[in-house]
Amino acid sequence: MTSYEFMRWLSFPLMTTHLVTVRNDIKQLVKSKRTSGSNISLLDVGGRKSPYTINLPVDVTLLDVPQEAGTKEQLNLGFTETILSNIQKERSNITDIIIQDMTQSTLPDETYDAVVSIEVIEHVPADDLFVKHIAQVIKKGGWAYFTTPNGDYIKNEGPGKNPDHIRHYTKAQLQTLLEKYFDKVEVHYAVKTGKYRVWSLKSLKTNNPVNMIKSLVGTMVNKQQSKGLKQQSQETAHLVAVAYK
């Protein structure tokens, strides 16, 4: 484990409800798939530094598009040379990095045991092709894990619209899309919205102690608020989907 990974691992209890939820879910999925003590092969589409796979028994391949000037640059999306250089120094279980658009994937079929795609699909115009190619690269018996904004509650419209989001899926829409290419799909809601979630997203930097305290309090309260909400379509921020091949 690198020093970066160690510090991130120590800080996981302080991370946002969404990040901790993703990590815990992936950890359980990996445990159910892993056999004979060997690492599983995992493709992280759009995960960049893939913080939720730190210290997990997985061999991670990162895949993302190059960062371009404009909206992607403003929102810090995609790969840059700096990001790629830092990943190679900071991460020990990143085995490969691929700069490619998943909708135009040239990866061989049935290459990976699992795929994760965290808050990515809402950015993709050709979402059907995106899901199709993800399904193709997964080995039989493998799984894909997605998260995306909850379109049953959070509408991407009006003055607060996110310029890089193509769509926000309802639970039914996401279920229908994934079922086209996977044998079994489970979709549920996650993360309570509201004041404490907003607080939890504030910076933890010590040069702003007020924001740091708000972030810590917000994270603790939001984690408690977010328990038992898998069937709650309103006042929840995310959809979580697990698709089995």
Protein backbone atom coordinates (compact mmCIF):
# COMPACT_ATOMS: atom_id res chain seq x y z
CA MET A 1 0.00 0.00 0.00
CA THR A 2 1.40 3.41 -0.96
CA SER A 3 1.42 6.35 1.46
CA TYR A 4 -1.40 7.95 -0.57
CA GLU A 5 -3.49 4.79 -0.30
CA PHE A 6 -2.79 4.52 3.41
CA MET A 7 -3.95 8.08 4.08
CA ARG A 8 -7.06 7.62 1.92
CA TRP A 9 -7.79 4.33 3.70
CA LEU A 10 -7.52 6.03 7.11
CA SER A 11 -9.81 8.84 5.96
CA PHE A 12 -12.62 6.64 4.59
CA PRO A 13 -14.79 7.05 7.73
CA LEU A 14 -14.74 10.82 7.05
CA MET A 15 -15.68 10.51 3.38
CA THR A 16 -19.12 11.29 1.96
CA THR A 17 -22.01 8.84 2.25
CA HIS A 18 -21.93 8.20 -1.50
CA LEU A 19 -18.23 7.31 -1.61
CA VAL A 20 -18.47 5.05 1.45
CA THR A 21 -21.60 3.38 0.05
CA VAL A 22 -19.83 2.68 -3.25
CA ARG A 23 -16.76 1.29 -1.53
CA ASN A 24 -18.73 -0.97 0.80
CA ASP A 25 -20.90 -2.26 -2.05
CA ILE A 26 -17.89 -3.02 -4.27
CA LYS A 27 -16.09 -4.66 -1.36
CA GLN A 28 -19.01 -7.06 -0.84
CA LEU A 29 -19.35 -7.78 -4.57
CA VAL A 30 -15.62 -8.52 -4.85
CA LYS A 31 -15.81 -10.82 -1.84
CA SER A 32 -18.64 -12.80 -3.43
CA LYS A 33 -16.76 -13.14 -6.73
CA ARG A 34 -13.23 -13.81 -5.48
CA THR A 35 -11.98 -17.40 -5.37
CA SER A 36 -8.76 -19.08 -4.21
CA GLY A 37 -7.39 -15.83 -2.79
CA SER A 38 -6.65 -14.39 -6.23
CA ASN A 39 -7.49 -10.83 -7.27
CA ILE A 40 -10.38 -10.26 -9.64
CA SER A 41 -9.92 -8.14 -12.75
CA LEU A 42 -11.96 -4.94 -12.61
CA LEU A 43 -12.46 -2.25 -15.26
CA ASP A 44 -13.25 1.18 -13.80
CA VAL A 45 -14.88 3.29 -16.50
CA GLY A 46 -14.43 6.98 -15.77
CA GLY A 47 -13.08 6.34 -12.28
CA ARG A 48 -9.87 8.31 -12.64
CA LYS A 49 -8.06 7.60 -9.35
CA SER A 50 -10.72 5.01 -8.41
CA PRO A 51 -10.57 5.83 -4.65
CA TYR A 52 -13.27 3.30 -3.78
CA THR A 53 -11.02 0.39 -4.88
CA ILE A 54 -8.10 1.32 -2.62
CA ASN A 55 -6.81 -1.67 -0.63
CA LEU A 56 -9.28 -4.08 -2.24
CA PRO A 57 -8.09 -7.39 -3.78
CA VAL A 58 -8.65 -6.27 -7.37
CA ASP A 59 -6.45 -5.63 -10.39
CA VAL A 60 -7.88 -2.36 -11.68
CA THR A 61 -7.80 -1.11 -15.24
CA LEU A 62 -8.78 2.55 -15.51
CA LEU A 63 -10.55 3.70 -18.66
CA ASP A 64 -11.51 7.28 -19.44
CA VAL A 65 -11.58 9.78 -22.28
CA PRO A 66 -8.90 12.49 -22.53
CA GLN A 67 -9.79 15.77 -20.88
CA GLU A 68 -10.66 18.44 -23.44
CA ALA A 69 -10.96 22.20 -23.20
CA GLY A 70 -14.44 23.40 -22.30
CA THR A 71 -16.94 21.79 -19.97
CA LYS A 72 -14.83 18.69 -19.23
CA GLU A 73 -11.91 20.90 -18.23
CA GLN A 74 -14.10 23.16 -16.08
CA LEU A 75 -15.61 20.15 -14.28
CA ASN A 76 -12.25 18.33 -14.10
CA LEU A 77 -13.44 15.29 -16.06
CA GLY A 78 -11.33 12.89 -18.11
CA PHE A 79 -7.61 12.10 -18.08
CA THR A 80 -4.79 14.63 -18.18
CA GLU A 81 -1.04 13.96 -18.22
CA THR A 82 -0.83 15.16 -14.61
CA ILE A 83 -3.57 12.77 -13.48
CA LEU A 84 -1.93 9.84 -15.28
CA SER A 85 1.47 10.64 -13.77
CA ASN A 86 0.02 10.89 -10.25
CA ILE A 87 -1.95 7.65 -10.59
CA GLN A 88 1.19 5.72 -11.42
CA LYS A 89 2.90 7.07 -8.29
CA GLU A 90 -0.01 6.84 -5.87
CA ARG A 91 -1.81 3.57 -6.62
CA SER A 92 -0.57 0.03 -6.17
CA ASN A 93 -3.47 -2.01 -7.61
CA ILE A 94 -3.88 -0.04 -10.86
CA THR A 95 -2.53 -2.49 -13.44
CA ASP A 96 -3.40 -0.66 -16.66
CA ILE A 97 -4.69 2.70 -17.93
CA ILE A 98 -6.65 2.99 -21.17
CA ILE A 99 -7.55 6.28 -22.85
CA GLN A 100 -10.66 5.43 -24.82
CA ASP A 101 -14.34 6.21 -25.22
CA MET A 102 -16.32 3.22 -23.91
CA THR A 103 -18.99 3.78 -26.56
CA GLN A 104 -16.29 3.05 -29.15
CA SER A 105 -14.58 0.30 -27.20
CA THR A 106 -12.07 -1.96 -28.93
CA LEU A 107 -11.54 -4.14 -25.84
CA PRO A 108 -11.88 -7.90 -26.34
CA ASP A 109 -15.10 -9.55 -25.20
CA GLU A 110 -15.19 -11.24 -21.77
CA THR A 111 -11.94 -9.66 -20.52
CA TYR A 112 -12.91 -8.56 -16.99
CA ASP A 113 -14.60 -10.13 -13.99
CA ALA A 114 -16.35 -6.85 -13.17
CA VAL A 115 -16.91 -3.26 -14.28
CA VAL A 116 -17.67 -0.22 -12.16
CA SER A 117 -18.98 3.09 -13.49
CA ILE A 118 -19.54 5.73 -10.82
CA GLU A 119 -21.50 8.86 -11.79
CA VAL A 120 -20.57 8.46 -15.47
CA ILE A 121 -23.54 7.22 -17.50
CA GLU A 122 -25.43 10.51 -17.09
CA HIS A 123 -22.62 12.19 -19.08
CA VAL A 124 -22.81 9.79 -22.05
CA PRO A 125 -24.94 10.70 -25.11
CA ALA A 126 -24.87 7.14 -26.53
CA ASP A 127 -25.89 5.42 -23.30
CA ASP A 128 -27.19 2.27 -25.01
CA LEU A 129 -23.83 1.66 -26.70
CA PHE A 130 -22.08 2.46 -23.42
CA VAL A 131 -23.97 -0.25 -21.55
CA LYS A 132 -23.72 -2.72 -24.45
CA HIS A 133 -19.92 -2.45 -24.58
CA ILE A 134 -19.64 -2.73 -20.81
CA ALA A 135 -21.67 -5.95 -20.89
CA GLN A 136 -19.52 -7.33 -23.70
CA VAL A 137 -16.22 -7.00 -21.81
CA ILE A 138 -17.53 -8.79 -18.70
CA LYS A 139 -16.93 -12.52 -18.33
CA LYS A 140 -19.90 -14.82 -17.87
CA GLY A 141 -20.86 -14.79 -14.20
CA GLY A 142 -19.46 -11.29 -13.69
CA TRP A 143 -21.16 -8.05 -12.71
CA ALA A 144 -21.33 -4.32 -13.37
CA TYR A 145 -21.93 -1.65 -10.73
CA PHE A 146 -23.34 1.78 -11.63
CA THR A 147 -24.31 4.90 -9.74
CA THR A 148 -26.03 7.95 -11.24
CA PRO A 149 -28.24 10.84 -10.03
CA ASN A 150 -31.77 9.90 -9.01
CA GLY A 151 -33.98 11.22 -11.81
CA ASP A 152 -37.13 10.34 -9.88
CA TYR A 153 -36.29 13.26 -7.59
CA ILE A 154 -33.41 15.36 -9.00
CA LYS A 155 -34.38 16.89 -12.33
CA ASN A 156 -31.60 18.21 -14.54
CA GLU A 157 -33.40 21.32 -15.72
CA GLY A 158 -33.83 25.01 -15.03
CA PRO A 159 -31.11 27.38 -13.77
CA GLY A 160 -29.49 24.65 -11.66
CA LYS A 161 -28.99 22.32 -14.62
CA ASN A 162 -25.64 20.53 -14.78
CA PRO A 163 -24.25 21.38 -18.25
CA ASP A 164 -22.40 18.08 -18.59
CA HIS A 165 -25.33 15.82 -17.69
CA ILE A 166 -27.24 14.48 -20.70
CA ARG A 167 -30.03 12.95 -18.63
CA HIS A 168 -31.08 11.89 -15.13
CA TYR A 169 -32.60 8.39 -15.16
CA THR A 170 -35.62 7.32 -13.22
CA LYS A 171 -35.27 3.94 -11.53
CA ALA A 172 -37.53 2.36 -14.16
CA GLN A 173 -35.54 3.87 -17.06
CA LEU A 174 -32.21 2.63 -15.70
CA GLN A 175 -33.63 -0.82 -14.99
CA THR A 176 -35.00 -1.09 -18.54
CA LEU A 177 -31.71 0.01 -20.14
CA LEU A 178 -29.57 -2.42 -18.16
CA GLU A 179 -31.95 -5.34 -18.68
CA LYS A 180 -31.31 -5.13 -22.43
CA TYR A 181 -27.79 -6.46 -21.89
CA PHE A 182 -27.72 -8.18 -18.48
CA ASP A 183 -29.48 -11.28 -17.14
CA LYS A 184 -30.32 -9.85 -13.72
CA VAL A 185 -30.52 -6.20 -12.62
CA GLU A 186 -31.08 -4.69 -9.18
CA VAL A 187 -31.64 -0.92 -8.85
CA HIS A 188 -32.25 1.00 -5.63
CA TYR A 189 -32.09 4.53 -4.20
CA ALA A 190 -29.30 5.86 -1.98
CA VAL A 191 -28.13 8.89 0.03
CA LYS A 192 -30.55 11.26 1.77
CA THR A 193 -30.64 14.77 0.30
CA GLY A 194 -30.86 17.96 2.35
CA LYS A 195 -28.76 20.30 4.46
CA TYR A 196 -26.46 17.70 5.96
CA ARG A 197 -25.61 16.15 2.62
CA VAL A 198 -24.68 19.63 1.35
CA TRP A 199 -22.52 20.17 4.41
CA SER A 200 -20.80 16.81 3.86
CA LEU A 201 -19.65 17.96 0.43
CA LYS A 202 -17.69 20.92 1.85
CA SER A 203 -13.91 20.88 1.91
CA LEU A 204 -12.00 19.13 4.70
CA LYS A 205 -9.05 21.48 4.34
CA THR A 206 -7.79 22.79 7.66
CA ASN A 207 -7.39 26.34 6.34
CA ASN A 208 -11.18 26.70 6.58
CA PRO A 209 -12.12 25.26 10.00
CA VAL A 210 -15.80 26.25 9.73
CA ASN A 211 -16.26 24.30 6.50
CA MET A 212 -14.24 21.41 7.89
CA ILE A 213 -16.48 21.14 10.97
CA LYS A 214 -19.61 21.42 8.83
CA SER A 215 -18.27 18.70 6.54
CA LEU A 216 -17.56 16.31 9.42
CA VAL A 217 -20.92 16.93 11.11
CA GLY A 218 -22.76 16.74 7.79
CA THR A 219 -21.10 13.43 6.91
CA MET A 220 -21.90 11.82 10.25
CA VAL A 221 -25.54 12.93 10.22
CA ASN A 222 -26.06 12.14 6.53
CA LYS A 223 -24.77 8.59 6.96
CA GLN A 224 -27.36 7.99 9.68
CA GLN A 225 -30.11 9.65 7.60
CA SER A 226 -29.25 7.46 4.60
CA LYS A 227 -29.91 4.11 6.26
CA GLY A 228 -32.87 2.09 5.03
CA LEU A 229 -33.75 4.30 2.04
CA LYS A 230 -33.36 1.79 -0.79
CA GLN A 231 -37.03 2.04 -1.75
CA GLN A 232 -37.42 5.80 -1.14
CA SER A 233 -37.72 7.59 -4.48
CA GLN A 234 -38.05 11.10 -3.03
CA GLU A 235 -35.36 13.09 -1.22
CA THR A 236 -32.64 10.64 -2.26
CA ALA A 237 -29.70 11.72 -4.39
CA HIS A 238 -28.54 8.64 -6.26
CA LEU A 239 -29.54 5.45 -8.01
CA VAL A 240 -27.35 2.40 -7.43
CA ALA A 241 -27.52 -0.50 -9.89
CA VAL A 242 -25.90 -3.93 -9.91
CA ALA A 243 -26.19 -5.82 -13.19
CA TYR A 244 -25.23 -9.50 -13.41
CA LYS A 245 -24.20 -11.28 -16.59
